[in-house]
């Protein structure tokens, strides 16, 4: 999605574990967009799918974006001992 929508060919992706939480951070300095407008227009299906998967795992999904500045996505998913 970054390559498809942001107009950039690079992004910063960080995945790590902090205690009992898996954290994912994705950042691009591409086209960006108005999050509220995209949601209101129903153009949010890809990100909505990610949010749905994350929340189904008991996690938190956050997105910040501004036109001309880029987009940051943060995901936090709790790790449970029954997962191994």
PDB file of N, CA and C in Angstrom:
ATOM      1  N   UNK A   1       0.814  -1.197   0.000  1.00  0.00           N
ATOM      2  CA  UNK A   1       0.000   0.000   0.000  1.00  0.00           C
ATOM      3  C   UNK A   1       0.856   1.259   0.000  1.00  0.00           C
ATOM      4  N   UNK A   2       2.004   1.202   0.662  1.00  0.00           N
ATOM      5  CA  UNK A   2       2.874   2.382   0.678  1.00  0.00           C
ATOM      6  C   UNK A   2       3.303   2.738  -0.733  1.00  0.00           C
ATOM      7  N   UNK A   3       3.826   1.760  -1.464  1.00  0.00           N
ATOM      8  CA  UNK A   3       4.277   2.019  -2.831  1.00  0.00           C
ATOM      9  C   UNK A   3       3.117   2.441  -3.724  1.00  0.00           C
ATOM     10  N   UNK A   4       1.960   1.893  -3.475  1.00  0.00           N
ATOM     11  CA  UNK A   4       0.798   2.159  -4.316  1.00  0.00           C
ATOM     12  C   UNK A   4       0.211   3.554  -4.104  1.00  0.00           C
ATOM     13  N   UNK A   5       0.124   3.993  -2.854  1.00  0.00           N
ATOM     14  CA  UNK A   5      -0.597   5.224  -2.562  1.00  0.00           C
ATOM     15  C   UNK A   5       0.259   6.409  -2.142  1.00  0.00           C
ATOM     16  N   UNK A   6       1.413   6.176  -1.549  1.00  0.00           N
ATOM     17  CA  UNK A   6       2.174   7.302  -0.999  1.00  0.00           C
ATOM     18  C   UNK A   6       3.007   8.039  -2.032  1.00  0.00           C
ATOM     19  N   UNK A   7       3.367   7.336  -3.095  1.00  0.00           N
ATOM     20  CA  UNK A   7       4.223   7.959  -4.102  1.00  0.00           C
ATOM     21  C   UNK A   7       5.697   7.892  -3.766  1.00  0.00           C
ATOM     22  N   UNK A   8       6.048   7.134  -2.743  1.00  0.00           N
ATOM     23  CA  UNK A   8       7.452   6.951  -2.388  1.00  0.00           C
ATOM     24  C   UNK A   8       7.828   5.476  -2.541  1.00  0.00           C
ATOM     25  N   UNK A   9       9.115   5.236  -2.622  1.00  0.00           N
ATOM     26  CA  UNK A   9       9.594   3.869  -2.776  1.00  0.00           C
ATOM     27  C   UNK A   9      10.304   3.367  -1.529  1.00  0.00           C
ATOM     28  N   UNK A  10      10.277   4.158  -0.475  1.00  0.00           N
ATOM     29  CA  UNK A  10      10.902   3.778   0.787  1.00  0.00           C
ATOM     30  C   UNK A  10       9.954   4.061   1.938  1.00  0.00           C
ATOM     31  N   UNK A  11      10.075   3.245   2.951  1.00  0.00           N
ATOM     32  CA  UNK A  11       9.328   3.465   4.186  1.00  0.00           C
ATOM     33  C   UNK A  11      10.176   2.930   5.326  1.00  0.00           C
ATOM     34  N   UNK A  12       9.936   3.443   6.500  1.00  0.00           N
ATOM     35  CA  UNK A  12      10.598   2.969   7.706  1.00  0.00           C
ATOM     36  C   UNK A  12       9.634   2.016   8.395  1.00  0.00           C
ATOM     37  N   UNK A  13      10.086   0.798   8.656  1.00  0.00           N
ATOM     38  CA  UNK A  13       9.251  -0.197   9.327  1.00  0.00           C
ATOM     39  C   UNK A  13      10.034  -0.749  10.507  1.00  0.00           C
ATOM     40  N   UNK A  14       9.407  -0.721  11.661  1.00  0.00           N
ATOM     41  CA  UNK A  14      10.046  -1.232  12.869  1.00  0.00           C
ATOM     42  C   UNK A  14       9.074  -2.196  13.540  1.00  0.00           C
ATOM     43  N   UNK A  15       9.557  -3.399  13.836  1.00  0.00           N
ATOM     44  CA  UNK A  15       8.768  -4.408  14.536  1.00  0.00           C
ATOM     45  C   UNK A  15       9.599  -4.870  15.723  1.00  0.00           C
ATOM     46  N   UNK A  16       9.004  -4.842  16.910  1.00  0.00           N
ATOM     47  CA  UNK A  16       9.726  -5.287  18.085  1.00  0.00           C
ATOM     48  C   UNK A  16       8.753  -5.721  19.170  1.00  0.00           C
ATOM     49  N   UNK A  17       9.300  -6.381  20.177  1.00  0.00           N
ATOM     50  CA  UNK A  17       8.509  -6.819  21.321  1.00  0.00           C
ATOM     51  C   UNK A  17       8.947  -6.014  22.524  1.00  0.00           C
ATOM     52  N   UNK A  18       7.968  -5.482  23.238  1.00  0.00           N
ATOM     53  CA  UNK A  18       8.214  -4.750  24.476  1.00  0.00           C
ATOM     54  C   UNK A  18       7.388  -5.432  25.557  1.00  0.00           C
ATOM     55  N   UNK A  19       8.054  -6.221  26.399  1.00  0.00           N
ATOM     56  CA  UNK A  19       7.339  -6.975  27.429  1.00  0.00           C
ATOM     57  C   UNK A  19       6.424  -7.986  26.792  1.00  0.00           C
ATOM     58  N   UNK A  20       5.129  -7.827  27.003  1.00  0.00           N
ATOM     59  CA  UNK A  20       4.165  -8.774  26.444  1.00  0.00           C
ATOM     60  C   UNK A  20       3.366  -8.159  25.295  1.00  0.00           C
ATOM     61  N   UNK A  21       3.985  -7.190  24.576  1.00  0.00           N
ATOM     62  CA  UNK A  21       3.301  -6.516  23.479  1.00  0.00           C
ATOM     63  C   UNK A  21       4.178  -6.502  22.231  1.00  0.00           C
ATOM     64  N   UNK A  22       3.579  -6.883  21.115  1.00  0.00           N
ATOM     65  CA  UNK A  22       4.224  -6.772  19.813  1.00  0.00           C
ATOM     66  C   UNK A  22       3.900  -5.390  19.271  1.00  0.00           C
ATOM     67  N   UNK A  23       4.918  -4.655  18.852  1.00  0.00           N
ATOM     68  CA  UNK A  23       4.726  -3.301  18.335  1.00  0.00           C
ATOM     69  C   UNK A  23       5.197  -3.229  16.891  1.00  0.00           C
ATOM     70  N   UNK A  24       4.429  -2.545  16.082  1.00  0.00           N
ATOM     71  CA  UNK A  24       4.758  -2.330  14.676  1.00  0.00           C
ATOM     72  C   UNK A  24       4.594  -0.852  14.388  1.00  0.00           C
ATOM     73  N   UNK A  25       5.592  -0.265  13.767  1.00  0.00           N
ATOM     74  CA  UNK A  25       5.555   1.144  13.407  1.00  0.00           C
ATOM     75  C   UNK A  25       5.920   1.242  11.930  1.00  0.00           C
ATOM     76  N   UNK A  26       5.074   1.880  11.142  1.00  0.00           N
ATOM     77  CA  UNK A  26       5.333   2.084   9.718  1.00  0.00           C
ATOM     78  C   UNK A  26       5.225   3.577   9.448  1.00  0.00           C
ATOM     79  N   UNK A  27       6.237   4.114   8.786  1.00  0.00           N
ATOM     80  CA  UNK A  27       6.301   5.561   8.538  1.00  0.00           C
ATOM     81  C   UNK A  27       6.731   5.807   7.098  1.00  0.00           C
ATOM     82  N   UNK A  28       6.020   6.671   6.416  1.00  0.00           N
ATOM     83  CA  UNK A  28       6.481   7.106   5.100  1.00  0.00           C
ATOM     84  C   UNK A  28       6.384   8.628   5.030  1.00  0.00           C
ATOM     85  N   UNK A  29       7.146   9.210   4.180  1.00  0.00           N
ATOM     86  CA  UNK A  29       7.120  10.657   3.982  1.00  0.00           C
ATOM     87  C   UNK A  29       6.584  10.938   2.588  1.00  0.00           C
ATOM     88  N   UNK A  30       5.483  10.274   2.269  1.00  0.00           N
ATOM     89  CA  UNK A  30       4.881  10.391   0.945  1.00  0.00           C
ATOM     90  C   UNK A  30       3.762  11.403   0.882  1.00  0.00           C
ATOM     91  N   UNK A  31       2.797  11.098   0.042  1.00  0.00           N
ATOM     92  CA  UNK A  31       1.703  12.026  -0.260  1.00  0.00           C
ATOM     93  C   UNK A  31       0.833  12.352   0.943  1.00  0.00           C
ATOM     94  N   UNK A  32       0.642  11.381   1.832  1.00  0.00           N
ATOM     95  CA  UNK A  32      -0.233  11.601   2.976  1.00  0.00           C
ATOM     96  C   UNK A  32      -1.665  11.813   2.546  1.00  0.00           C
ATOM     97  N   UNK A  33      -2.569  11.925   3.508  1.00  0.00           N
ATOM     98  CA  UNK A  33      -3.977  12.126   3.206  1.00  0.00           C
ATOM     99  C   UNK A  33      -4.692  12.611   4.452  1.00  0.00           C
ATOM    100  N   UNK A  34      -5.886  13.120   4.250  1.00  0.00           N
ATOM    101  CA  UNK A  34      -6.728  13.562   5.350  1.00  0.00           C
ATOM    102  C   UNK A  34      -7.497  12.351   5.863  1.00  0.00           C
ATOM    103  N   UNK A  35      -7.113  11.819   7.010  1.00  0.00           N
ATOM    104  CA  UNK A  35      -7.693  10.582   7.544  1.00  0.00           C
ATOM    105  C   UNK A  35      -9.201  10.708   7.714  1.00  0.00           C
ATOM    106  N   UNK A  36      -9.667  11.781   8.321  1.00  0.00           N
ATOM    107  CA  UNK A  36     -11.103  11.960   8.550  1.00  0.00           C
ATOM    108  C   UNK A  36     -11.888  11.978   7.245  1.00  0.00           C
ATOM    109  N   UNK A  37     -11.361  12.651   6.240  1.00  0.00           N
ATOM    110  CA  UNK A  37     -12.033  12.738   4.945  1.00  0.00           C
ATOM    111  C   UNK A  37     -12.100  11.369   4.271  1.00  0.00           C
ATOM    112  N   UNK A  38     -11.006  10.627   4.306  1.00  0.00           N
ATOM    113  CA  UNK A  38     -10.966   9.306   3.682  1.00  0.00           C
ATOM    114  C   UNK A  38     -11.963   8.364   4.354  1.00  0.00           C
ATOM    115  N   UNK A  39     -12.038   8.424   5.674  1.00  0.00           N
ATOM    116  CA  UNK A  39     -12.998   7.590   6.403  1.00  0.00           C
ATOM    117  C   UNK A  39     -14.424   8.000   6.042  1.00  0.00           C
ATOM    118  N   UNK A  40     -14.707   9.298   6.032  1.00  0.00           N
ATOM    119  CA  UNK A  40     -16.050   9.800   5.732  1.00  0.00           C
ATOM    120  C   UNK A  40     -16.498   9.411   4.327  1.00  0.00           C
ATOM    121  N   UNK A  41     -15.557   9.359   3.388  1.00  0.00           N
ATOM    122  CA  UNK A  41     -15.893   9.018   2.007  1.00  0.00           C
ATOM    123  C   UNK A  41     -15.939   7.504   1.769  1.00  0.00           C
ATOM    124  N   UNK A  42     -15.619   6.720   2.814  1.00  0.00           N
ATOM    125  CA  UNK A  42     -15.637   5.265   2.669  1.00  0.00           C
ATOM    126  C   UNK A  42     -14.461   4.717   1.880  1.00  0.00           C
ATOM    127  N   UNK A  43     -13.386   5.480   1.786  1.00  0.00           N
ATOM    128  CA  UNK A  43     -12.198   5.060   1.042  1.00  0.00           C
ATOM    129  C   UNK A  43     -11.151   4.465   1.982  1.00  0.00           C
ATOM    130  N   UNK A  44     -11.606   3.773   2.978  1.00  0.00           N
ATOM    131  CA  UNK A  44     -10.754   3.347   4.084  1.00  0.00           C
ATOM    132  C   UNK A  44     -10.658   1.826   4.172  1.00  0.00           C
ATOM    133  N   UNK A  45     -11.070   1.113   3.148  1.00  0.00           N
ATOM    134  CA  UNK A  45     -11.236  -0.338   3.248  1.00  0.00           C
ATOM    135  C   UNK A  45      -9.964  -1.094   3.606  1.00  0.00           C
ATOM    136  N   UNK A  46      -8.826  -0.759   2.998  1.00  0.00           N
ATOM    137  CA  UNK A  46      -7.585  -1.466   3.313  1.00  0.00           C
ATOM    138  C   UNK A  46      -7.151  -1.240   4.746  1.00  0.00           C
ATOM    139  N   UNK A  47      -7.138   0.014   5.175  1.00  0.00           N
ATOM    140  CA  UNK A  47      -6.755   0.324   6.549  1.00  0.00           C
ATOM    141  C   UNK A  47      -7.805  -0.168   7.534  1.00  0.00           C
ATOM    142  N   UNK A  48      -9.068  -0.147   7.133  1.00  0.00           N
ATOM    143  CA  UNK A  48     -10.128  -0.665   8.008  1.00  0.00           C
ATOM    144  C   UNK A  48      -9.944  -2.157   8.229  1.00  0.00           C
ATOM    145  N   UNK A  49      -9.521  -2.869   7.207  1.00  0.00           N
ATOM    146  CA  UNK A  49      -9.262  -4.298   7.344  1.00  0.00           C
ATOM    147  C   UNK A  49      -8.125  -4.579   8.315  1.00  0.00           C
ATOM    148  N   UNK A  50      -7.085  -3.766   8.233  1.00  0.00           N
ATOM    149  CA  UNK A  50      -5.968  -3.913   9.167  1.00  0.00           C
ATOM    150  C   UNK A  50      -6.446  -3.628  10.587  1.00  0.00           C
ATOM    151  N   UNK A  51      -7.180  -2.526  10.755  1.00  0.00           N
ATOM    152  CA  UNK A  51      -7.702  -2.173  12.079  1.00  0.00           C
ATOM    153  C   UNK A  51      -8.569  -3.308  12.633  1.00  0.00           C
ATOM    154  N   UNK A  52      -9.406  -3.880  11.789  1.00  0.00           N
ATOM    155  CA  UNK A  52     -10.292  -4.964  12.221  1.00  0.00           C
ATOM    156  C   UNK A  52      -9.491  -6.177  12.704  1.00  0.00           C
ATOM    157  N   UNK A  53      -8.452  -6.548  11.957  1.00  0.00           N
ATOM    158  CA  UNK A  53      -7.611  -7.683  12.361  1.00  0.00           C
ATOM    159  C   UNK A  53      -6.894  -7.403  13.674  1.00  0.00           C
ATOM    160  N   UNK A  54      -6.353  -6.203  13.804  1.00  0.00           N
ATOM    161  CA  UNK A  54      -5.620  -5.839  15.019  1.00  0.00           C
ATOM    162  C   UNK A  54      -6.548  -5.849  16.231  1.00  0.00           C
ATOM    163  N   UNK A  55      -7.717  -5.233  16.100  1.00  0.00           N
ATOM    164  CA  UNK A  55      -8.628  -5.191  17.243  1.00  0.00           C
ATOM    165  C   UNK A  55      -9.168  -6.577  17.577  1.00  0.00           C
ATOM    166  N   UNK A  56      -9.307  -7.461  16.582  1.00  0.00           N
ATOM    167  CA  UNK A  56      -9.771  -8.818  16.868  1.00  0.00           C
ATOM    168  C   UNK A  56      -8.745  -9.588  17.701  1.00  0.00           C
ATOM    169  N   UNK A  57      -7.499  -9.145  17.670  1.00  0.00           N
ATOM    170  CA  UNK A  57      -6.438  -9.749  18.482  1.00  0.00           C
ATOM    171  C   UNK A  57      -6.258  -9.019  19.809  1.00  0.00           C
ATOM    172  N   UNK A  58      -7.152  -8.079  20.097  1.00  0.00           N
ATOM    173  CA  UNK A  58      -7.066  -7.317  21.338  1.00  0.00           C
ATOM    174  C   UNK A  58      -6.078  -6.177  21.269  1.00  0.00           C
ATOM    175  N   UNK A  59      -5.702  -5.796  20.063  1.00  0.00           N
ATOM    176  CA  UNK A  59      -4.692  -4.762  19.892  1.00  0.00           C
ATOM    177  C   UNK A  59      -5.254  -3.380  19.646  1.00  0.00           C
ATOM    178  N   UNK A  60      -4.324  -2.462  19.389  1.00  0.00           N
ATOM    179  CA  UNK A  60      -4.644  -1.060  19.151  1.00  0.00           C
ATOM    180  C   UNK A  60      -4.017  -0.662  17.825  1.00  0.00           C
ATOM    181  N   UNK A  61      -4.786   0.058  17.014  1.00  0.00           N
ATOM    182  CA  UNK A  61      -4.336   0.537  15.708  1.00  0.00           C
ATOM    183  C   UNK A  61      -4.474   2.054  15.698  1.00  0.00           C
ATOM    184  N   UNK A  62      -3.409   2.743  15.337  1.00  0.00           N
ATOM    185  CA  UNK A  62      -3.454   4.205  15.235  1.00  0.00           C
ATOM    186  C   UNK A  62      -2.858   4.633  13.897  1.00  0.00           C
ATOM    187  N   UNK A  63      -3.450   5.647  13.327  1.00  0.00           N
ATOM    188  CA  UNK A  63      -2.912   6.188  12.079  1.00  0.00           C
ATOM    189  C   UNK A  63      -2.941   7.711  12.148  1.00  0.00           C
ATOM    190  N   UNK A  64      -1.856   8.300  11.692  1.00  0.00           N
ATOM    191  CA  UNK A  64      -1.764   9.754  11.565  1.00  0.00           C
ATOM    192  C   UNK A  64      -1.241  10.035  10.165  1.00  0.00           C
ATOM    193  N   UNK A  65      -1.875  10.962   9.501  1.00  0.00           N
ATOM    194  CA  UNK A  65      -1.442  11.309   8.154  1.00  0.00           C
ATOM    195  C   UNK A  65      -1.819  12.748   7.868  1.00  0.00           C
ATOM    196  N   UNK A  66      -0.980  13.393   7.066  1.00  0.00           N
ATOM    197  CA  UNK A  66      -1.268  14.760   6.626  1.00  0.00           C
ATOM    198  C   UNK A  66      -0.864  14.874   5.167  1.00  0.00           C
ATOM    199  N   UNK A  67      -1.731  15.475   4.351  1.00  0.00           N
ATOM    200  CA  UNK A  67      -1.382  15.658   2.945  1.00  0.00           C
ATOM    201  C   UNK A  67      -0.047  16.390   2.792  1.00  0.00           C
ATOM    202  N   UNK A  68       0.794  15.836   1.946  1.00  0.00           N
ATOM    203  CA  UNK A  68       2.097  16.429   1.674  1.00  0.00           C
ATOM    204  C   UNK A  68       3.161  16.154   2.712  1.00  0.00           C
ATOM    205  N   UNK A  69       2.801  15.474   3.802  1.00  0.00           N
ATOM    206  CA  UNK A  69       3.745  15.225   4.893  1.00  0.00           C
ATOM    207  C   UNK A  69       4.068  13.740   5.020  1.00  0.00           C
ATOM    208  N   UNK A  70       3.055  12.883   4.903  1.00  0.00           N
ATOM    209  CA  UNK A  70       3.276  11.452   5.020  1.00  0.00           C
ATOM    210  C   UNK A  70       2.319  10.808   5.997  1.00  0.00           C
ATOM    211  N   UNK A  71       2.566   9.535   6.255  1.00  0.00           N
ATOM    212  CA  UNK A  71       1.673   8.730   7.079  1.00  0.00           C
ATOM    213  C   UNK A  71       2.461   7.901   8.076  1.00  0.00           C
ATOM    214  N   UNK A  72       1.950   7.832   9.300  1.00  0.00           N
ATOM    215  CA  UNK A  72       2.508   6.975  10.348  1.00  0.00           C
ATOM    216  C   UNK A  72       1.407   6.037  10.817  1.00  0.00           C
ATOM    217  N   UNK A  73       1.731   4.765  10.889  1.00  0.00           N
ATOM    218  CA  UNK A  73       0.795   3.750  11.387  1.00  0.00           C
ATOM    219  C   UNK A  73       1.474   3.046  12.557  1.00  0.00           C
ATOM    220  N   UNK A  74       0.757   2.916  13.655  1.00  0.00           N
ATOM    221  CA  UNK A  74       1.266   2.217  14.833  1.00  0.00           C
ATOM    222  C   UNK A  74       0.286   1.106  15.205  1.00  0.00           C
ATOM    223  N   UNK A  75       0.824  -0.060  15.492  1.00  0.00           N
ATOM    224  CA  UNK A  75       0.023  -1.215  15.890  1.00  0.00           C
ATOM    225  C   UNK A  75       0.622  -1.794  17.158  1.00  0.00           C
ATOM    226  N   UNK A  76      -0.235  -2.086  18.115  1.00  0.00           N
ATOM    227  CA  UNK A  76       0.177  -2.764  19.346  1.00  0.00           C
ATOM    228  C   UNK A  76      -0.712  -3.990  19.504  1.00  0.00           C
ATOM    229  N   UNK A  77      -0.090  -5.166  19.629  1.00  0.00           N
ATOM    230  CA  UNK A  77      -0.851  -6.410  19.804  1.00  0.00           C
ATOM    231  C   UNK A  77      -0.323  -7.130  21.023  1.00  0.00           C
ATOM    232  N   UNK A  78      -1.194  -7.440  21.964  1.00  0.00           N
ATOM    233  CA  UNK A  78      -0.735  -8.165  23.152  1.00  0.00           C
ATOM    234  C   UNK A  78      -0.334  -9.603  22.771  1.00  0.00           C
ATOM    235  N   UNK A  79       0.754 -10.047  23.360  1.00  0.00           N
ATOM    236  CA  UNK A  79       1.210 -11.424  23.160  1.00  0.00           C
ATOM    237  C   UNK A  79       0.679 -12.263  24.304  1.00  0.00           C
ATOM    238  N   UNK A  80       0.111 -13.388  23.970  1.00  0.00           N
ATOM    239  CA  UNK A  80      -0.460 -14.281  24.981  1.00  0.00           C
ATOM    240  C   UNK A  80       0.376 -15.540  25.050  1.00  0.00           C
ATOM    241  N   UNK A  81       0.524 -16.082  26.234  1.00  0.00           N
ATOM    242  CA  UNK A  81       1.373 -17.250  26.437  1.00  0.00           C
ATOM    243  C   UNK A  81       0.898 -18.452  25.629  1.00  0.00           C
ATOM    244  N   UNK A  82      -0.407 -18.569  25.333  1.00  0.00           N
ATOM    245  CA  UNK A  82      -0.886 -19.710  24.572  1.00  0.00           C
ATOM    246  C   UNK A  82      -0.449 -19.650  23.103  1.00  0.00           C
ATOM    247  N   UNK A  83       0.149 -18.535  22.650  1.00  0.00           N
ATOM    248  CA  UNK A  83       0.650 -18.432  21.285  1.00  0.00           C
ATOM    249  C   UNK A  83       2.033 -19.035  21.152  1.00  0.00           C
ATOM    250  N   UNK A  84       2.591 -19.472  22.233  1.00  0.00           N
ATOM    251  CA  UNK A  84       3.895 -20.118  22.131  1.00  0.00           C
ATOM    252  C   UNK A  84       4.900 -19.385  22.892  1.00  0.00           C
TER     253      UNK A  84
END
